[in-house]
């Protein structure tokens, strides 16, 4: 299956208790890299979120963020560090007596000192119930966002496949033309060798059978039938992977390396006027396919 590694989805779910927003973005990456941004109240959701992502994504960087806005804000508790406040007041009194400062200590002064006042949410049983309900809704919103992301990646994957199929067909056609050009080049080489041997026959005393065998061996070094057969096999393997249900980006990347290796060998072995031009064209298309496959999961 060809599916894009990139995509974006955003989901918002509202009810009487809270508004939950989920955004998820997928980018290219060699492996699965998950980055989460969750509010502290939903820290327990992290393991579930990672499992949900891993169920739908096998490769790529996934950035998922969850934002929660409660309709009824929880109560707060304010604690005053009385010992610190008394010590501070005494120090200020000494400073005023020496004429270093003027004025009295105000509530605003205490609020600017984290050691003086601590403000925290007051948790009650009803608050715990609300958080549990919000967490369940957030989990569902994450699932919905990932489903939307998967749909977008599948749609983009369809475009990728169309382009890759077109280029695969083109490069396969080029290789078939290379096979024809190589056969023609090998036949021409054999003919040139026979003509040259005929010119030298008067000067050489050689066994006709040995000469014929040597001509065949020399021309045989330019035979690329094995490389052509392997390339055709790679093309069939490519089609099977693209039609399958499993993510295939890494395997397609490996197949392209093998295809490129076969084409390089063809270029080094084959003889013929048109072979070099066709080899260059095939390698150019394979490089374009390699760049495109980097976007496939």
C-alpha atoms as a PDB file:
ATOM      1  CA  UNK A   1       0.000   0.000   0.000  1.00  0.00           C
ATOM      2  CA  UNK A   2       1.297   3.412  -0.926  1.00  0.00           C
ATOM      3  CA  UNK A   3       0.396   5.999   1.705  1.00  0.00           C
ATOM      4  CA  UNK A   4       1.926   9.430   2.194  1.00  0.00           C
ATOM      5  CA  UNK A   5       3.899  10.167   5.347  1.00  0.00           C
ATOM      6  CA  UNK A   6       2.630  13.772   5.456  1.00  0.00           C
ATOM      7  CA  UNK A   7      -0.758  15.052   6.547  1.00  0.00           C
ATOM      8  CA  UNK A   8      -2.691  17.247   8.970  1.00  0.00           C
ATOM      9  CA  UNK A   9      -5.945  16.938  10.888  1.00  0.00           C
ATOM     10  CA  UNK A  10      -7.768  19.013  13.485  1.00  0.00           C
ATOM     11  CA  UNK A  11     -10.763  17.971  15.608  1.00  0.00           C
ATOM     12  CA  UNK A  12     -12.795  19.904  18.202  1.00  0.00           C
ATOM     13  CA  UNK A  13     -15.339  18.287  20.520  1.00  0.00           C
ATOM     14  CA  UNK A  14     -17.601  20.396  22.776  1.00  0.00           C
ATOM     15  CA  UNK A  15     -20.002  19.407  25.532  1.00  0.00           C
ATOM     16  CA  UNK A  16     -21.400  20.919  28.725  1.00  0.00           C
ATOM     17  CA  UNK A  17     -18.237  20.154  30.673  1.00  0.00           C
ATOM     18  CA  UNK A  18     -15.383  21.128  28.359  1.00  0.00           C
ATOM     19  CA  UNK A  19     -14.106  21.952  24.900  1.00  0.00           C
ATOM     20  CA  UNK A  20     -11.442  19.529  23.662  1.00  0.00           C
ATOM     21  CA  UNK A  21      -9.263  20.354  20.650  1.00  0.00           C
ATOM     22  CA  UNK A  22      -6.831  17.942  18.984  1.00  0.00           C
ATOM     23  CA  UNK A  23      -4.375  18.771  16.222  1.00  0.00           C
ATOM     24  CA  UNK A  24      -2.110  16.206  14.604  1.00  0.00           C
ATOM     25  CA  UNK A  25       0.566  16.693  11.970  1.00  0.00           C
ATOM     26  CA  UNK A  26       2.601  14.016  10.195  1.00  0.00           C
ATOM     27  CA  UNK A  27       5.956  14.708   8.547  1.00  0.00           C
ATOM     28  CA  UNK A  28       8.628  12.670   6.786  1.00  0.00           C
ATOM     29  CA  UNK A  29      10.986  10.693   9.023  1.00  0.00           C
ATOM     30  CA  UNK A  30      12.975   7.493   8.639  1.00  0.00           C
ATOM     31  CA  UNK A  31      11.380   5.957  11.737  1.00  0.00           C
ATOM     32  CA  UNK A  32       8.295   6.533  13.882  1.00  0.00           C
ATOM     33  CA  UNK A  33       8.900   9.628  16.011  1.00  0.00           C
ATOM     34  CA  UNK A  34       5.986  10.712  18.225  1.00  0.00           C
ATOM     35  CA  UNK A  35       5.844  14.154  19.859  1.00  0.00           C
ATOM     36  CA  UNK A  36       2.956  14.828  22.284  1.00  0.00           C
ATOM     37  CA  UNK A  37       1.694  18.020  23.911  1.00  0.00           C
ATOM     38  CA  UNK A  38      -0.891  17.256  26.616  1.00  0.00           C
ATOM     39  CA  UNK A  39      -2.222  19.324  29.509  1.00  0.00           C
ATOM     40  CA  UNK A  40      -1.055  18.168  32.934  1.00  0.00           C
ATOM     41  CA  UNK A  41      -4.564  17.026  33.819  1.00  0.00           C
ATOM     42  CA  UNK A  42      -4.468  14.532  30.919  1.00  0.00           C
ATOM     43  CA  UNK A  43      -0.957  13.194  31.490  1.00  0.00           C
ATOM     44  CA  UNK A  44      -2.412   9.699  31.954  1.00  0.00           C
ATOM     45  CA  UNK A  45      -3.615   9.837  28.336  1.00  0.00           C
ATOM     46  CA  UNK A  46      -0.062   9.757  26.961  1.00  0.00           C
ATOM     47  CA  UNK A  47       0.281   5.962  26.810  1.00  0.00           C
ATOM     48  CA  UNK A  48      -3.095   5.601  25.061  1.00  0.00           C
ATOM     49  CA  UNK A  49      -2.244   8.347  22.570  1.00  0.00           C
ATOM     50  CA  UNK A  50       1.061   6.695  21.656  1.00  0.00           C
ATOM     51  CA  UNK A  51      -0.678   3.339  21.191  1.00  0.00           C
ATOM     52  CA  UNK A  52      -3.359   4.902  18.981  1.00  0.00           C
ATOM     53  CA  UNK A  53      -0.711   6.565  16.823  1.00  0.00           C
ATOM     54  CA  UNK A  54       1.330   3.367  16.499  1.00  0.00           C
ATOM     55  CA  UNK A  55      -1.802   1.527  15.383  1.00  0.00           C
ATOM     56  CA  UNK A  56      -2.204   3.820  12.359  1.00  0.00           C
ATOM     57  CA  UNK A  57       1.320   5.074  11.618  1.00  0.00           C
ATOM     58  CA  UNK A  58       4.435   2.936  11.127  1.00  0.00           C
ATOM     59  CA  UNK A  59       6.881   5.580   9.898  1.00  0.00           C
ATOM     60  CA  UNK A  60       7.134   9.367  10.098  1.00  0.00           C
ATOM     61  CA  UNK A  61       7.224  12.158  12.660  1.00  0.00           C
ATOM     62  CA  UNK A  62       3.825  12.636  14.308  1.00  0.00           C
ATOM     63  CA  UNK A  63       3.162  15.780  16.339  1.00  0.00           C
ATOM     64  CA  UNK A  64      -0.058  15.575  18.352  1.00  0.00           C
ATOM     65  CA  UNK A  65      -1.403  18.277  20.637  1.00  0.00           C
ATOM     66  CA  UNK A  66      -4.442  18.252  22.937  1.00  0.00           C
ATOM     67  CA  UNK A  67      -5.977  21.418  24.403  1.00  0.00           C
ATOM     68  CA  UNK A  68      -8.754  21.399  27.020  1.00  0.00           C
ATOM     69  CA  UNK A  69     -10.894  24.304  28.176  1.00  0.00           C
ATOM     70  CA  UNK A  70     -13.196  23.453  31.094  1.00  0.00           C
ATOM     71  CA  UNK A  71     -16.599  25.142  31.300  1.00  0.00           C
ATOM     72  CA  UNK A  72     -16.506  25.276  35.131  1.00  0.00           C
ATOM     73  CA  UNK A  73     -13.057  26.064  36.402  1.00  0.00           C
ATOM     74  CA  UNK A  74     -12.006  24.128  39.510  1.00  0.00           C
ATOM     75  CA  UNK A  75     -11.696  25.934  42.794  1.00  0.00           C
ATOM     76  CA  UNK A  76      -8.335  27.093  44.068  1.00  0.00           C
ATOM     77  CA  UNK A  77      -6.514  27.007  47.382  1.00  0.00           C
ATOM     78  CA  UNK A  78      -4.223  29.833  48.464  1.00  0.00           C
ATOM     79  CA  UNK A  79      -1.612  29.153  51.132  1.00  0.00           C
ATOM     80  CA  UNK A  80       0.414  31.878  52.811  1.00  0.00           C
ATOM     81  CA  UNK A  81       3.884  31.026  54.083  1.00  0.00           C
ATOM     82  CA  UNK A  82       3.467  32.954  57.337  1.00  0.00           C
ATOM     83  CA  UNK A  83       6.973  32.285  58.592  1.00  0.00           C
ATOM     84  CA  UNK A  84       8.458  33.656  55.370  1.00  0.00           C
ATOM     85  CA  UNK A  85       6.124  36.687  55.479  1.00  0.00           C
ATOM     86  CA  UNK A  86       7.105  37.521  59.092  1.00  0.00           C
ATOM     87  CA  UNK A  87      10.797  37.201  58.271  1.00  0.00           C
ATOM     88  CA  UNK A  88      10.325  39.401  55.219  1.00  0.00           C
ATOM     89  CA  UNK A  89       8.427  42.038  57.211  1.00  0.00           C
ATOM     90  CA  UNK A  90      11.167  42.098  59.860  1.00  0.00           C
ATOM     91  CA  UNK A  91      13.842  42.534  57.226  1.00  0.00           C
ATOM     92  CA  UNK A  92      11.884  45.374  55.632  1.00  0.00           C
ATOM     93  CA  UNK A  93      11.419  47.071  59.020  1.00  0.00           C
ATOM     94  CA  UNK A  94      15.210  47.069  59.525  1.00  0.00           C
ATOM     95  CA  UNK A  95      15.713  48.451  56.029  1.00  0.00           C
ATOM     96  CA  UNK A  96      13.206  51.235  56.676  1.00  0.00           C
ATOM     97  CA  UNK A  97      14.865  52.057  60.024  1.00  0.00           C
ATOM     98  CA  UNK A  98      18.153  52.571  58.170  1.00  0.00           C
ATOM     99  CA  UNK A  99      16.454  54.735  55.563  1.00  0.00           C
ATOM    100  CA  UNK A 100      17.111  52.262  52.762  1.00  0.00           C
ATOM    101  CA  UNK A 101      13.468  51.890  51.694  1.00  0.00           C
ATOM    102  CA  UNK A 102      10.102  53.517  52.340  1.00  0.00           C
ATOM    103  CA  UNK A 103       6.547  52.285  52.351  1.00  0.00           C
ATOM    104  CA  UNK A 104       4.735  49.256  53.716  1.00  0.00           C
ATOM    105  CA  UNK A 105       4.631  45.681  52.408  1.00  0.00           C
ATOM    106  CA  UNK A 106       1.593  45.275  50.101  1.00  0.00           C
ATOM    107  CA  UNK A 107      -0.327  42.167  48.884  1.00  0.00           C
ATOM    108  CA  UNK A 108       1.098  42.804  45.432  1.00  0.00           C
ATOM    109  CA  UNK A 109       4.589  42.432  46.853  1.00  0.00           C
ATOM    110  CA  UNK A 110       3.728  39.019  48.238  1.00  0.00           C
ATOM    111  CA  UNK A 111       2.183  37.864  44.953  1.00  0.00           C
ATOM    112  CA  UNK A 112       5.458  38.562  43.202  1.00  0.00           C
ATOM    113  CA  UNK A 113       7.311  36.269  45.609  1.00  0.00           C
ATOM    114  CA  UNK A 114       6.694  32.542  44.884  1.00  0.00           C
ATOM    115  CA  UNK A 115       8.060  31.666  48.344  1.00  0.00           C
ATOM    116  CA  UNK A 116       5.313  33.703  50.024  1.00  0.00           C
ATOM    117  CA  UNK A 117       2.090  32.475  48.424  1.00  0.00           C
ATOM    118  CA  UNK A 118       1.198  29.145  46.801  1.00  0.00           C
ATOM    119  CA  UNK A 119      -1.867  28.880  44.568  1.00  0.00           C
ATOM    120  CA  UNK A 120      -3.110  25.471  43.442  1.00  0.00           C
ATOM    121  CA  UNK A 121      -6.264  23.870  42.138  1.00  0.00           C
ATOM    122  CA  UNK A 122      -8.511  22.337  44.751  1.00  0.00           C
ATOM    123  CA  UNK A 123      -9.329  18.761  43.794  1.00  0.00           C
ATOM    124  CA  UNK A 124     -12.619  17.266  44.889  1.00  0.00           C
ATOM    125  CA  UNK A 125     -14.364  14.038  44.061  1.00  0.00           C
ATOM    126  CA  UNK A 126     -16.549  15.840  41.518  1.00  0.00           C
ATOM    127  CA  UNK A 127     -13.432  17.342  39.916  1.00  0.00           C
ATOM    128  CA  UNK A 128     -11.945  13.854  39.521  1.00  0.00           C
ATOM    129  CA  UNK A 129     -15.139  12.686  37.801  1.00  0.00           C
ATOM    130  CA  UNK A 130     -15.030  15.642  35.411  1.00  0.00           C
ATOM    131  CA  UNK A 131     -11.368  14.995  34.558  1.00  0.00           C
ATOM    132  CA  UNK A 132     -12.114  11.328  33.876  1.00  0.00           C
ATOM    133  CA  UNK A 133     -14.992  12.268  31.560  1.00  0.00           C
ATOM    134  CA  UNK A 134     -12.874  14.872  29.773  1.00  0.00           C
ATOM    135  CA  UNK A 135     -10.055  12.351  29.384  1.00  0.00           C
ATOM    136  CA  UNK A 136     -12.441   9.863  27.767  1.00  0.00           C
ATOM    137  CA  UNK A 137     -13.698  12.528  25.373  1.00  0.00           C
ATOM    138  CA  UNK A 138     -10.122  13.609  24.605  1.00  0.00           C
ATOM    139  CA  UNK A 139      -9.170  10.018  23.797  1.00  0.00           C
ATOM    140  CA  UNK A 140     -12.076   9.761  21.365  1.00  0.00           C
ATOM    141  CA  UNK A 141     -11.084  13.087  19.805  1.00  0.00           C
ATOM    142  CA  UNK A 142      -7.537  11.767  19.341  1.00  0.00           C
ATOM    143  CA  UNK A 143      -8.937   8.673  17.595  1.00  0.00           C
ATOM    144  CA  UNK A 144     -11.091  10.840  15.331  1.00  0.00           C
ATOM    145  CA  UNK A 145      -8.176  13.128  14.461  1.00  0.00           C
ATOM    146  CA  UNK A 146      -5.954  10.158  13.647  1.00  0.00           C
ATOM    147  CA  UNK A 147      -8.690   8.697  11.431  1.00  0.00           C
ATOM    148  CA  UNK A 148      -8.906  12.006   9.544  1.00  0.00           C
ATOM    149  CA  UNK A 149      -5.121  12.094   9.267  1.00  0.00           C
ATOM    150  CA  UNK A 150      -5.091   8.552   7.909  1.00  0.00           C
ATOM    151  CA  UNK A 151      -7.709   9.458   5.322  1.00  0.00           C
ATOM    152  CA  UNK A 152      -5.662  12.435   4.159  1.00  0.00           C
ATOM    153  CA  UNK A 153      -2.474  10.367   3.977  1.00  0.00           C
ATOM    154  CA  UNK A 154      -4.296   7.722   1.930  1.00  0.00           C
ATOM    155  CA  UNK A 155      -5.589  10.363  -0.482  1.00  0.00           C
ATOM    156  CA  UNK A 156      -2.122  11.837  -0.938  1.00  0.00           C
ATOM    157  CA  UNK A 157      -0.791   8.298  -1.279  1.00  0.00           C
ATOM    158  CA  UNK A 158      -3.109   7.828  -4.264  1.00  0.00           C
ATOM    159  CA  UNK A 159      -1.479  10.795  -5.980  1.00  0.00           C
ATOM    160  CA  UNK A 160       1.970   9.439  -5.142  1.00  0.00           C
ATOM    161  CA  UNK A 161       1.086   6.045  -6.559  1.00  0.00           C
ATOM    162  CA  UNK A 162      -0.229   7.540  -9.798  1.00  0.00           C
ATOM    163  CA  UNK A 163       3.049   9.377 -10.320  1.00  0.00           C
ATOM    164  CA  UNK A 164       5.197   6.389  -9.334  1.00  0.00           C
ATOM    165  CA  UNK A 165       3.191   4.000 -11.545  1.00  0.00           C
ATOM    166  CA  UNK A 166       3.661   6.308 -14.501  1.00  0.00           C
ATOM    167  CA  UNK A 167       7.405   6.534 -13.924  1.00  0.00           C
ATOM    168  CA  UNK A 168       7.700   2.804 -13.259  1.00  0.00           C
ATOM    169  CA  UNK A 169       5.996   2.046 -16.568  1.00  0.00           C
ATOM    170  CA  UNK A 170       8.276   4.517 -18.316  1.00  0.00           C
ATOM    171  CA  UNK A 171      11.504   3.116 -16.879  1.00  0.00           C
ATOM    172  CA  UNK A 172      10.376  -0.465 -17.567  1.00  0.00           C
ATOM    173  CA  UNK A 173       9.793   0.513 -21.204  1.00  0.00           C
ATOM    174  CA  UNK A 174      13.251   2.117 -21.352  1.00  0.00           C
ATOM    175  CA  UNK A 175      14.826  -1.096 -20.029  1.00  0.00           C
ATOM    176  CA  UNK A 176      13.041  -3.131 -22.686  1.00  0.00           C
ATOM    177  CA  UNK A 177      14.475  -0.771 -25.283  1.00  0.00           C
ATOM    178  CA  UNK A 178      17.894  -1.222 -23.691  1.00  0.00           C
ATOM    179  CA  UNK A 179      17.491  -4.990 -24.109  1.00  0.00           C
ATOM    180  CA  UNK A 180      16.732  -4.575 -27.818  1.00  0.00           C
ATOM    181  CA  UNK A 181      19.580  -2.101 -28.333  1.00  0.00           C
ATOM    182  CA  UNK A 182      21.991  -4.402 -26.462  1.00  0.00           C
ATOM    183  CA  UNK A 183      21.011  -7.400 -28.629  1.00  0.00           C
ATOM    184  CA  UNK A 184      21.575  -5.326 -31.731  1.00  0.00           C
ATOM    185  CA  UNK A 185      24.917  -4.127 -30.371  1.00  0.00           C
ATOM    186  CA  UNK A 186      26.023  -7.650 -29.514  1.00  0.00           C
ATOM    187  CA  UNK A 187      25.121  -8.894 -33.006  1.00  0.00           C
ATOM    188  CA  UNK A 188      27.007  -5.976 -34.558  1.00  0.00           C
ATOM    189  CA  UNK A 189      30.027  -6.752 -32.360  1.00  0.00           C
ATOM    190  CA  UNK A 190      30.033 -10.386 -33.464  1.00  0.00           C
ATOM    191  CA  UNK A 191      29.866  -9.282 -37.103  1.00  0.00           C
ATOM    192  CA  UNK A 192      32.760  -6.847 -36.642  1.00  0.00           C
ATOM    193  CA  UNK A 193      34.844  -9.560 -34.998  1.00  0.00           C
ATOM    194  CA  UNK A 194      34.116 -12.028 -37.811  1.00  0.00           C
ATOM    195  CA  UNK A 195      35.034  -9.478 -40.433  1.00  0.00           C
ATOM    196  CA  UNK A 196      38.267  -8.645 -38.631  1.00  0.00           C
ATOM    197  CA  UNK A 197      39.176 -12.323 -38.281  1.00  0.00           C
ATOM    198  CA  UNK A 198      38.491 -12.830 -41.986  1.00  0.00           C
ATOM    199  CA  UNK A 199      40.913 -10.010 -42.782  1.00  0.00           C
ATOM    200  CA  UNK A 200      43.610 -11.565 -40.619  1.00  0.00           C
ATOM    201  CA  UNK A 201      42.973 -15.167 -41.592  1.00  0.00           C
ATOM    202  CA  UNK A 202      45.689 -15.146 -44.201  1.00  0.00           C
ATOM    203  CA  UNK A 203      48.250 -14.153 -41.599  1.00  0.00           C
ATOM    204  CA  UNK A 204      46.982 -16.357 -38.773  1.00  0.00           C
ATOM    205  CA  UNK A 205      47.075 -20.085 -38.452  1.00  0.00           C
ATOM    206  CA  UNK A 206      44.198 -20.707 -36.066  1.00  0.00           C
ATOM    207  CA  UNK A 207      41.606 -23.371 -35.628  1.00  0.00           C
ATOM    208  CA  UNK A 208      38.273 -22.201 -37.038  1.00  0.00           C
ATOM    209  CA  UNK A 209      36.343 -23.717 -34.140  1.00  0.00           C
ATOM    210  CA  UNK A 210      38.526 -22.003 -31.531  1.00  0.00           C
ATOM    211  CA  UNK A 211      38.177 -18.679 -33.312  1.00  0.00           C
ATOM    212  CA  UNK A 212      34.394 -19.018 -33.448  1.00  0.00           C
ATOM    213  CA  UNK A 213      34.234 -19.895 -29.736  1.00  0.00           C
ATOM    214  CA  UNK A 214      36.386 -16.900 -28.819  1.00  0.00           C
ATOM    215  CA  UNK A 215      34.128 -14.605 -30.863  1.00  0.00           C
ATOM    216  CA  UNK A 216      31.084 -15.939 -29.043  1.00  0.00           C
ATOM    217  CA  UNK A 217      32.782 -15.520 -25.621  1.00  0.00           C
ATOM    218  CA  UNK A 218      33.841 -11.964 -26.403  1.00  0.00           C
ATOM    219  CA  UNK A 219      30.392 -10.974 -27.573  1.00  0.00           C
ATOM    220  CA  UNK A 220      28.831 -12.830 -24.628  1.00  0.00           C
ATOM    221  CA  UNK A 221      30.500 -10.461 -22.176  1.00  0.00           C
ATOM    222  CA  UNK A 222      28.053  -7.819 -23.367  1.00  0.00           C
ATOM    223  CA  UNK A 223      25.027 -10.047 -22.732  1.00  0.00           C
ATOM    224  CA  UNK A 224      22.671  -8.393 -20.218  1.00  0.00           C
ATOM    225  CA  UNK A 225      19.859 -10.946 -20.300  1.00  0.00           C
ATOM    226  CA  UNK A 226      20.337 -11.775 -16.592  1.00  0.00           C
ATOM    227  CA  UNK A 227      20.148  -8.113 -15.597  1.00  0.00           C
ATOM    228  CA  UNK A 228      17.040  -7.640 -17.742  1.00  0.00           C
ATOM    229  CA  UNK A 229      15.366 -10.658 -16.123  1.00  0.00           C
ATOM    230  CA  UNK A 230      16.171  -9.411 -12.607  1.00  0.00           C
ATOM    231  CA  UNK A 231      14.900  -5.926 -13.439  1.00  0.00           C
ATOM    232  CA  UNK A 232      11.608  -7.387 -14.682  1.00  0.00           C
ATOM    233  CA  UNK A 233      11.357  -9.329 -11.435  1.00  0.00           C
ATOM    234  CA  UNK A 234      11.879  -6.132  -9.443  1.00  0.00           C
ATOM    235  CA  UNK A 235       9.062  -4.457 -11.393  1.00  0.00           C
ATOM    236  CA  UNK A 236       6.682  -7.328 -10.585  1.00  0.00           C
ATOM    237  CA  UNK A 237       7.723  -7.160  -6.912  1.00  0.00           C
ATOM    238  CA  UNK A 238       7.061  -3.413  -6.915  1.00  0.00           C
ATOM    239  CA  UNK A 239       3.520  -3.929  -8.222  1.00  0.00           C
ATOM    240  CA  UNK A 240       2.842  -6.604  -5.581  1.00  0.00           C
ATOM    241  CA  UNK A 241       4.031  -4.306  -2.777  1.00  0.00           C
ATOM    242  CA  UNK A 242       1.975  -1.370  -4.043  1.00  0.00           C
ATOM    243  CA  UNK A 243      -1.132  -3.570  -4.266  1.00  0.00           C
ATOM    244  CA  UNK A 244      -0.616  -5.077  -0.796  1.00  0.00           C
ATOM    245  CA  UNK A 245      -2.073  -3.879   2.492  1.00  0.00           C
ATOM    246  CA  UNK A 246       1.183  -3.295   4.378  1.00  0.00           C
ATOM    247  CA  UNK A 247       3.187  -0.023   4.356  1.00  0.00           C
ATOM    248  CA  UNK A 248       5.902  -0.430   1.739  1.00  0.00           C
ATOM    249  CA  UNK A 249       7.997   2.759   1.620  1.00  0.00           C
ATOM    250  CA  UNK A 250      11.209   1.170   2.902  1.00  0.00           C
ATOM    251  CA  UNK A 251      10.852  -1.873   0.644  1.00  0.00           C
ATOM    252  CA  UNK A 252      10.212   0.305  -2.390  1.00  0.00           C
ATOM    253  CA  UNK A 253      13.311   2.324  -1.539  1.00  0.00           C
ATOM    254  CA  UNK A 254      15.351  -0.901  -1.393  1.00  0.00           C
ATOM    255  CA  UNK A 255      13.864  -2.090  -4.714  1.00  0.00           C
ATOM    256  CA  UNK A 256      14.899   1.178  -6.348  1.00  0.00           C
ATOM    257  CA  UNK A 257      18.460   0.620  -5.179  1.00  0.00           C
ATOM    258  CA  UNK A 258      18.405  -2.835  -6.766  1.00  0.00           C
ATOM    259  CA  UNK A 259      16.890  -1.491  -9.987  1.00  0.00           C
ATOM    260  CA  UNK A 260      19.555   1.188 -10.167  1.00  0.00           C
ATOM    261  CA  UNK A 261      22.260  -1.433  -9.613  1.00  0.00           C
ATOM    262  CA  UNK A 262      20.928  -3.542 -12.501  1.00  0.00           C
ATOM    263  CA  UNK A 263      20.806  -0.524 -14.811  1.00  0.00           C
ATOM    264  CA  UNK A 264      24.397   0.399 -13.895  1.00  0.00           C
ATOM    265  CA  UNK A 265      25.513  -3.151 -14.740  1.00  0.00           C
ATOM    266  CA  UNK A 266      23.665  -2.974 -18.050  1.00  0.00           C
ATOM    267  CA  UNK A 267      25.489   0.233 -18.863  1.00  0.00           C
ATOM    268  CA  UNK A 268      28.896  -1.279 -18.099  1.00  0.00           C
ATOM    269  CA  UNK A 269      28.291  -4.486 -20.097  1.00  0.00           C
ATOM    270  CA  UNK A 270      26.049  -3.656 -23.028  1.00  0.00           C
ATOM    271  CA  UNK A 271      27.390  -2.516 -26.390  1.00  0.00           C
ATOM    272  CA  UNK A 272      25.549  -0.399 -28.928  1.00  0.00           C
ATOM    273  CA  UNK A 273      25.119   3.156 -30.118  1.00  0.00           C
ATOM    274  CA  UNK A 274      21.783   3.745 -28.357  1.00  0.00           C
ATOM    275  CA  UNK A 275      22.557   1.986 -25.079  1.00  0.00           C
ATOM    276  CA  UNK A 276      24.305   4.885 -23.296  1.00  0.00           C
ATOM    277  CA  UNK A 277      21.495   7.321 -24.030  1.00  0.00           C
ATOM    278  CA  UNK A 278      18.875   4.877 -22.783  1.00  0.00           C
ATOM    279  CA  UNK A 279      20.881   4.100 -19.615  1.00  0.00           C
ATOM    280  CA  UNK A 280      21.028   7.806 -18.766  1.00  0.00           C
ATOM    281  CA  UNK A 281      17.273   8.160 -19.296  1.00  0.00           C
ATOM    282  CA  UNK A 282      16.536   5.118 -17.105  1.00  0.00           C
ATOM    283  CA  UNK A 283      18.769   6.375 -14.268  1.00  0.00           C
ATOM    284  CA  UNK A 284      17.142   9.815 -14.422  1.00  0.00           C
ATOM    285  CA  UNK A 285      13.680   8.291 -13.975  1.00  0.00           C
ATOM    286  CA  UNK A 286      14.864   6.022 -11.164  1.00  0.00           C
ATOM    287  CA  UNK A 287      16.280   9.036  -9.332  1.00  0.00           C
ATOM    288  CA  UNK A 288      12.934  10.856  -9.626  1.00  0.00           C
ATOM    289  CA  UNK A 289      11.218   7.751  -8.263  1.00  0.00           C
ATOM    290  CA  UNK A 290      13.687   7.573  -5.376  1.00  0.00           C
ATOM    291  CA  UNK A 291      12.931  11.177  -4.412  1.00  0.00           C
ATOM    292  CA  UNK A 292       9.199  10.495  -4.521  1.00  0.00           C
ATOM    293  CA  UNK A 293       9.457   7.279  -2.491  1.00  0.00           C
ATOM    294  CA  UNK A 294      10.956   9.287   0.383  1.00  0.00           C
ATOM    295  CA  UNK A 295       7.386  10.541   0.961  1.00  0.00           C
ATOM    296  CA  UNK A 296       5.888   7.035   1.157  1.00  0.00           C
ATOM    297  CA  UNK A 297       5.190   5.437   4.541  1.00  0.00           C
END
